[in-house]
N, C-alpha and C. Protein backbone atom coordinates (compact mmCIF):
# COMPACT_ATOMS: atom_id res chain seq x y z
N MET A 1 18.44 -12.30 36.36
CA MET A 1 18.94 -12.38 34.86
C MET A 1 18.25 -12.74 34.03
N LYS A 2 17.21 -13.12 34.27
CA LYS A 2 16.82 -14.06 33.06
C LYS A 2 15.06 -12.67 32.94
N ASN A 3 14.84 -12.32 33.89
CA ASN A 3 14.24 -10.90 34.09
C ASN A 3 14.90 -9.89 33.87
N LYS A 4 15.77 -9.10 33.01
CA LYS A 4 16.35 -8.80 32.43
C LYS A 4 16.24 -8.76 31.30
N THR A 5 16.74 -9.93 30.42
CA THR A 5 16.53 -10.48 29.14
C THR A 5 15.46 -9.68 28.82
N PHE A 6 14.26 -11.01 29.84
CA PHE A 6 12.80 -10.88 29.57
C PHE A 6 12.71 -9.46 28.69
N LYS A 7 13.24 -8.48 29.40
CA LYS A 7 12.70 -6.69 29.70
C LYS A 7 13.12 -6.08 28.29
N ILE A 8 14.40 -6.41 27.89
CA ILE A 8 15.35 -6.80 26.67
C ILE A 8 14.80 -7.08 25.24
N LEU A 9 14.24 -8.15 25.17
CA LEU A 9 14.16 -8.33 24.75
C LEU A 9 12.38 -8.52 24.55
N PHE A 10 11.69 -8.11 25.32
CA PHE A 10 10.03 -7.47 25.13
C PHE A 10 10.31 -6.68 24.49
N THR A 11 11.24 -5.70 25.15
CA THR A 11 11.55 -4.16 24.43
C THR A 11 11.75 -3.74 22.81
N THR A 12 12.70 -4.72 22.39
CA THR A 12 13.09 -4.52 21.19
C THR A 12 12.52 -5.65 19.85
N LEU A 13 11.78 -6.47 21.22
CA LEU A 13 10.09 -6.95 19.75
C LEU A 13 9.25 -5.93 19.65
N LEU A 14 8.82 -4.87 20.58
CA LEU A 14 8.05 -3.70 20.52
C LEU A 14 7.82 -3.39 19.58
N VAL A 15 9.57 -2.80 20.43
CA VAL A 15 9.05 -1.36 18.90
C VAL A 15 9.68 -1.77 17.36
N VAL A 16 9.79 -3.18 17.47
CA VAL A 16 10.02 -3.84 15.76
C VAL A 16 8.44 -3.66 15.64
N MET A 17 7.73 -4.36 15.86
CA MET A 17 6.41 -4.19 15.77
C MET A 17 5.74 -2.14 15.80
N MET A 18 6.41 -1.76 16.37
CA MET A 18 5.63 -0.23 16.15
C MET A 18 6.88 0.67 14.47
N VAL A 19 7.50 -0.48 14.52
CA VAL A 19 8.42 0.10 13.13
C VAL A 19 7.61 -0.12 12.16
N CYS A 20 6.69 -1.40 11.97
CA CYS A 20 6.73 -2.33 11.28
C CYS A 20 5.61 -1.94 10.75
N ILE A 21 4.61 -1.90 11.88
CA ILE A 21 2.49 -0.76 11.66
C ILE A 21 2.99 -0.04 11.07
N SER A 22 4.37 1.04 11.47
CA SER A 22 4.15 2.41 11.20
C SER A 22 4.42 2.10 9.27
N ILE A 23 4.77 1.33 8.76
CA ILE A 23 4.94 1.09 7.11
C ILE A 23 4.31 1.76 6.33
N SER A 24 4.70 2.71 5.71
CA SER A 24 3.40 3.66 4.04
C SER A 24 3.39 1.92 3.78
N SER A 25 2.18 1.83 3.44
CA SER A 25 2.20 0.97 1.86
C SER A 25 0.83 1.84 1.20
N PHE A 26 2.40 1.53 -0.49
CA PHE A 26 1.05 1.98 -2.32
C PHE A 26 0.80 0.39 -2.21
N ALA A 27 -0.35 0.51 -2.06
CA ALA A 27 -1.03 -0.57 -2.14
C ALA A 27 -2.69 0.19 -3.56
N ILE A 28 -3.31 -0.91 -3.90
CA ILE A 28 -4.13 -0.62 -4.68
C ILE A 28 -5.27 0.16 -3.61
N GLU A 29 -6.60 0.83 -4.13
CA GLU A 29 -7.22 1.20 -3.18
C GLU A 29 -8.54 0.35 -3.65
N PRO A 30 -9.21 -0.70 -2.39
CA PRO A 30 -10.27 -1.55 -2.59
C PRO A 30 -11.33 -1.13 -3.47
N GLY A 31 -11.72 -0.35 -3.56
CA GLY A 31 -13.17 0.53 -4.59
C GLY A 31 -12.43 -0.29 -6.73
N ASN A 32 -10.54 -0.14 -6.04
CA ASN A 32 -9.78 0.02 -7.95
C ASN A 32 -9.50 -1.64 -7.59
N ILE A 33 -10.58 -2.66 -7.38
CA ILE A 33 -10.08 -4.04 -7.88
C ILE A 33 -10.86 -4.14 -8.48
N LYS A 34 -10.78 -5.27 -9.40
CA LYS A 34 -11.77 -5.52 -10.61
C LYS A 34 -11.43 -7.05 -10.76
N ALA A 35 -12.35 -7.81 -10.52
CA ALA A 35 -12.91 -9.41 -11.17
C ALA A 35 -12.09 -9.32 -12.50
N LYS A 36 -10.84 -10.42 -13.34
CA LYS A 36 -11.20 -10.57 -14.38
C LYS A 36 -11.49 -11.76 -14.60
N ASP A 37 -12.07 -11.66 -16.28
CA ASP A 37 -13.38 -12.78 -16.59
C ASP A 37 -12.54 -13.41 -17.32
N ASN A 38 -11.15 -14.00 -17.82
CA ASN A 38 -10.43 -14.93 -18.23
C ASN A 38 -10.05 -15.23 -17.73
N VAL A 39 -10.63 -15.80 -16.45
CA VAL A 39 -9.44 -17.11 -15.35
C VAL A 39 -10.17 -18.07 -14.93
N ASN A 40 -9.04 -18.94 -15.95
CA ASN A 40 -8.85 -19.98 -16.40
C ASN A 40 -8.99 -21.78 -15.24
N GLY A 41 -10.20 -22.65 -15.10
CA GLY A 41 -10.14 -23.49 -14.35
C GLY A 41 -10.95 -23.30 -13.07
N THR A 42 -11.95 -22.30 -13.03
CA THR A 42 -12.60 -21.14 -11.98
C THR A 42 -13.66 -22.22 -11.92
N THR A 43 -13.91 -22.68 -12.69
CA THR A 43 -15.72 -23.44 -12.48
C THR A 43 -15.36 -24.48 -12.35
N GLU A 44 -14.20 -25.08 -12.36
CA GLU A 44 -13.36 -26.94 -12.16
C GLU A 44 -13.45 -26.46 -10.81
N ILE A 45 -13.12 -25.19 -10.18
CA ILE A 45 -12.57 -25.55 -8.50
C ILE A 45 -13.43 -26.00 -8.09
N THR A 46 -14.19 -23.85 -8.49
CA THR A 46 -16.34 -23.75 -8.28
C THR A 46 -17.41 -25.52 -8.10
N ASN A 47 -16.61 -25.76 -8.81
CA ASN A 47 -17.56 -27.35 -8.67
C ASN A 47 -16.75 -27.97 -8.10
N VAL A 48 -15.54 -28.16 -8.11
CA VAL A 48 -15.12 -29.23 -6.65
C VAL A 48 -15.23 -29.18 -5.80
N GLY A 49 -15.38 -28.06 -5.41
CA GLY A 49 -15.58 -26.91 -3.64
C GLY A 49 -16.56 -27.36 -3.16
N GLN A 50 -18.66 -27.26 -4.09
CA GLN A 50 -19.49 -27.62 -4.01
C GLN A 50 -19.97 -29.32 -4.34
N SER A 51 -18.74 -29.84 -4.46
CA SER A 51 -19.32 -31.65 -5.07
C SER A 51 -18.60 -31.51 -2.74
N VAL A 52 -17.23 -31.00 -3.20
CA VAL A 52 -16.96 -31.30 -1.20
C VAL A 52 -17.42 -31.38 -0.14
N VAL A 53 -18.21 -29.58 -0.60
CA VAL A 53 -19.06 -29.10 0.34
C VAL A 53 -20.58 -29.84 0.57
N GLY A 54 -21.30 -30.21 -0.01
CA GLY A 54 -22.02 -30.54 -0.11
C GLY A 54 -22.16 -32.68 0.11
N ILE A 55 -20.86 -33.01 -0.09
CA ILE A 55 -20.96 -34.62 0.87
C ILE A 55 -20.47 -34.12 2.42
N LEU A 56 -19.19 -33.61 2.30
CA LEU A 56 -19.73 -33.54 3.87
C LEU A 56 -21.04 -32.85 4.76
N GLN A 57 -21.58 -32.46 3.84
CA GLN A 57 -22.70 -31.89 4.98
C GLN A 57 -23.43 -32.82 4.32
N THR A 58 -24.07 -33.83 3.63
CA THR A 58 -24.84 -35.56 3.39
C THR A 58 -24.01 -35.99 4.94
N VAL A 59 -22.98 -36.10 4.56
CA VAL A 59 -22.11 -37.51 6.18
C VAL A 59 -22.46 -36.84 7.05
N GLY A 60 -22.35 -35.55 7.68
CA GLY A 60 -22.36 -34.81 8.32
C GLY A 60 -24.01 -35.17 8.80
N ILE A 61 -24.27 -35.01 8.29
CA ILE A 61 -26.19 -34.72 8.95
C ILE A 61 -26.77 -36.83 8.91
N VAL A 62 -26.37 -37.48 7.94
CA VAL A 62 -27.20 -38.52 8.33
C VAL A 62 -26.35 -39.60 9.21
N LEU A 63 -24.85 -38.74 10.43
CA LEU A 63 -24.14 -39.59 10.77
C LEU A 63 -24.44 -39.09 12.53
N SER A 64 -24.93 -37.46 13.05
CA SER A 64 -25.85 -37.21 12.93
C SER A 64 -26.56 -37.98 13.68
N VAL A 65 -28.42 -38.15 12.70
CA VAL A 65 -29.45 -39.14 12.52
C VAL A 65 -28.90 -40.44 13.53
N VAL A 66 -28.25 -41.10 12.65
CA VAL A 66 -28.35 -42.23 13.56
C VAL A 66 -27.20 -42.10 14.43
N ILE A 67 -26.63 -41.87 15.06
CA ILE A 67 -26.61 -41.05 16.16
C ILE A 67 -27.38 -40.77 18.17
N LEU A 68 -28.30 -39.29 16.72
CA LEU A 68 -29.26 -39.67 17.58
C LEU A 68 -30.20 -41.02 17.95
N ILE A 69 -30.74 -41.27 16.56
CA ILE A 69 -31.29 -42.47 17.18
C ILE A 69 -31.32 -43.92 18.27
N ILE A 70 -29.21 -43.48 17.63
CA ILE A 70 -28.75 -44.40 18.27
C ILE A 70 -29.54 -44.48 20.04
N LEU A 71 -28.73 -43.03 20.42
CA LEU A 71 -28.87 -42.76 21.99
C LEU A 71 -30.12 -42.60 22.36
N GLY A 72 -31.02 -42.22 21.12
CA GLY A 72 -32.59 -42.68 21.08
C GLY A 72 -32.54 -43.74 21.75
N ILE A 73 -32.68 -45.55 21.96
CA ILE A 73 -32.80 -46.40 21.43
C ILE A 73 -32.91 -46.44 22.93
N LYS A 74 -30.80 -46.10 22.87
CA LYS A 74 -30.58 -46.94 24.30
C LYS A 74 -31.22 -46.05 25.74
N TYR A 75 -31.76 -44.74 25.28
CA TYR A 75 -32.07 -43.70 26.14
C TYR A 75 -33.85 -44.21 26.33
N MET A 76 -34.01 -44.94 26.39
CA MET A 76 -35.66 -45.76 26.84
C MET A 76 -35.47 -46.70 26.39
N MET A 77 -34.49 -47.54 26.45
CA MET A 77 -34.24 -48.50 26.95
C MET A 77 -34.02 -49.22 27.84
N GLY A 78 -32.92 -48.03 28.72
CA GLY A 78 -32.12 -47.95 30.33
C GLY A 78 -32.86 -47.88 31.03
N SER A 79 -31.81 -48.15 32.52
CA SER A 79 -32.63 -47.68 33.87
C SER A 79 -31.94 -46.28 33.97
N ALA A 80 -33.18 -46.21 35.51
CA ALA A 80 -32.67 -44.42 35.84
C ALA A 80 -31.16 -44.61 35.90
N GLU A 81 -30.25 -44.88 35.91
CA GLU A 81 -28.85 -44.90 36.29
C GLU A 81 -28.27 -44.74 34.92
N GLU A 82 -28.85 -45.70 33.87
CA GLU A 82 -27.99 -44.85 33.00
C GLU A 82 -28.55 -43.70 32.16
N LYS A 83 -30.16 -43.59 31.56
CA LYS A 83 -30.73 -42.41 31.05
C LYS A 83 -29.18 -41.19 32.43
N ALA A 84 -29.07 -41.59 33.47
CA ALA A 84 -28.71 -39.96 33.65
C ALA A 84 -27.36 -39.50 32.63
N ASP A 85 -26.69 -40.82 32.06
CA ASP A 85 -25.63 -41.25 31.79
C ASP A 85 -26.21 -41.28 30.94
N TYR A 86 -26.83 -41.41 29.77
CA TYR A 86 -27.38 -39.82 28.26
C TYR A 86 -27.75 -39.51 28.22
N LYS A 87 -28.41 -38.72 29.12
CA LYS A 87 -28.42 -37.17 29.46
C LYS A 87 -26.89 -36.29 29.09
N LYS A 88 -26.11 -37.30 29.91
CA LYS A 88 -24.73 -36.04 29.85
C LYS A 88 -24.54 -36.65 28.71
N SER A 89 -24.16 -37.52 27.85
CA SER A 89 -23.78 -37.00 26.57
C SER A 89 -24.33 -36.62 25.72
N MET A 90 -25.96 -36.68 25.85
CA MET A 90 -26.71 -36.10 24.92
C MET A 90 -26.88 -34.61 24.33
N LEU A 91 -25.58 -34.22 25.07
CA LEU A 91 -25.11 -32.56 26.12
C LEU A 91 -24.05 -32.07 24.32
N PRO A 92 -22.56 -33.42 24.30
CA PRO A 92 -21.76 -33.35 23.70
C PRO A 92 -22.22 -33.35 22.36
N TYR A 93 -23.26 -34.54 21.85
CA TYR A 93 -24.03 -34.52 20.34
C TYR A 93 -24.17 -33.18 20.63
N VAL A 94 -25.88 -32.34 21.06
CA VAL A 94 -26.52 -31.64 20.74
C VAL A 94 -25.41 -30.76 19.91
N VAL A 95 -24.16 -30.36 21.10
CA VAL A 95 -23.43 -29.31 20.77
C VAL A 95 -22.27 -29.63 19.45
N GLY A 96 -21.24 -30.97 19.17
CA GLY A 96 -21.50 -31.28 18.12
C GLY A 96 -21.92 -31.67 16.74
N ALA A 97 -23.55 -31.46 16.99
CA ALA A 97 -24.20 -31.43 15.35
C ALA A 97 -24.73 -30.22 15.76
N GLY A 98 -24.84 -29.47 16.08
CA GLY A 98 -24.52 -28.03 15.46
C GLY A 98 -23.61 -27.21 15.78
N ILE A 99 -22.41 -28.19 15.22
CA ILE A 99 -21.13 -27.61 14.76
C ILE A 99 -21.20 -27.82 13.39
N ILE A 100 -21.58 -29.22 13.55
CA ILE A 100 -21.62 -29.74 12.30
C ILE A 100 -22.63 -28.69 11.44
N PHE A 101 -23.84 -28.69 11.10
CA PHE A 101 -24.47 -27.84 10.83
C PHE A 101 -24.38 -25.69 10.86
N ALA A 102 -23.62 -25.67 11.30
CA ALA A 102 -23.35 -24.31 11.64
C ALA A 102 -21.46 -24.12 10.58
N ALA A 103 -21.11 -25.33 10.73
CA ALA A 103 -20.15 -25.60 9.58
C ALA A 103 -20.54 -25.34 8.08
N SER A 104 -21.18 -25.93 7.88
CA SER A 104 -21.99 -26.16 7.06
C SER A 104 -22.18 -24.47 6.20
N ALA A 105 -22.98 -23.78 6.52
CA ALA A 105 -24.14 -22.90 6.20
C ALA A 105 -22.94 -21.58 6.74
N LEU A 106 -21.47 -22.14 7.58
CA LEU A 106 -21.20 -20.70 7.28
C LEU A 106 -20.47 -20.73 6.17
N ALA A 107 -20.03 -22.11 5.72
CA ALA A 107 -18.72 -22.37 4.68
C ALA A 107 -19.52 -22.00 3.33
N GLN A 108 -20.67 -21.83 3.21
CA GLN A 108 -22.11 -21.23 1.85
C GLN A 108 -22.01 -19.64 2.61
N VAL A 109 -21.95 -19.19 3.63
CA VAL A 109 -22.82 -18.01 3.50
C VAL A 109 -20.99 -17.20 3.10
N ILE A 110 -20.04 -17.55 3.40
CA ILE A 110 -18.23 -17.36 2.89
C ILE A 110 -18.78 -17.67 1.69
N TYR A 111 -19.14 -18.63 1.28
CA TYR A 111 -18.91 -18.48 -0.11
C TYR A 111 -19.17 -18.10 -1.11
N GLN A 112 -21.15 -17.41 -1.02
CA GLN A 112 -21.91 -16.50 -1.82
C GLN A 112 -21.28 -15.03 -1.27
N PHE A 113 -20.57 -14.61 -0.13
CA PHE A 113 -20.46 -13.48 0.90
C PHE A 113 -19.03 -12.81 -0.81
N PHE A 114 -18.17 -14.21 -1.12
CA PHE A 114 -16.75 -14.33 -1.34
C PHE A 114 -17.06 -14.31 -3.56
N THR A 115 -18.79 -15.14 -3.61
CA THR A 115 -18.74 -14.32 -4.96
C THR A 115 -19.48 -13.43 -5.21
N GLY A 116 -20.57 -12.88 -4.38
CA GLY A 116 -20.45 -11.50 -4.42
C GLY A 116 -19.72 -10.45 -4.84
N ILE A 117 -18.48 -10.69 -4.42
CA ILE A 117 -17.27 -9.37 -4.21
C ILE A 117 -16.76 -10.22 -6.03
N THR A 118 -16.26 -10.75 -6.33
CA THR A 118 -15.73 -11.03 -7.67
C THR A 118 -17.16 -11.03 -8.32
N SER A 119 -17.77 -11.16 -8.45
CA SER A 119 -19.01 -10.35 -9.94
C SER A 119 -19.58 -9.48 -9.50
């Protein structure tokens, strides 16, 4: 009974999806889209966004450097067993620091890309 109900539901969902995909769209072509010059408030939003990204970038860099210093001191002062534990904890740190640096760089690239499209 459950299997039959699942098949009917799946088939119905599949048909609805195919109908939705095949509907024509009478939209503007991408080449005809122009940016408006008289949009109010865009400079304020841009300034706030840049400030937030800058603050997050700075905080992320400072925290990653402080954590690296702490892990480095613990690694130098630790015994052989503790050094093995610190080596295991270094991999998640490196991945996290990489994500922090990559995320801020990616946000900057996306911003530059969309700024270039609208201008």
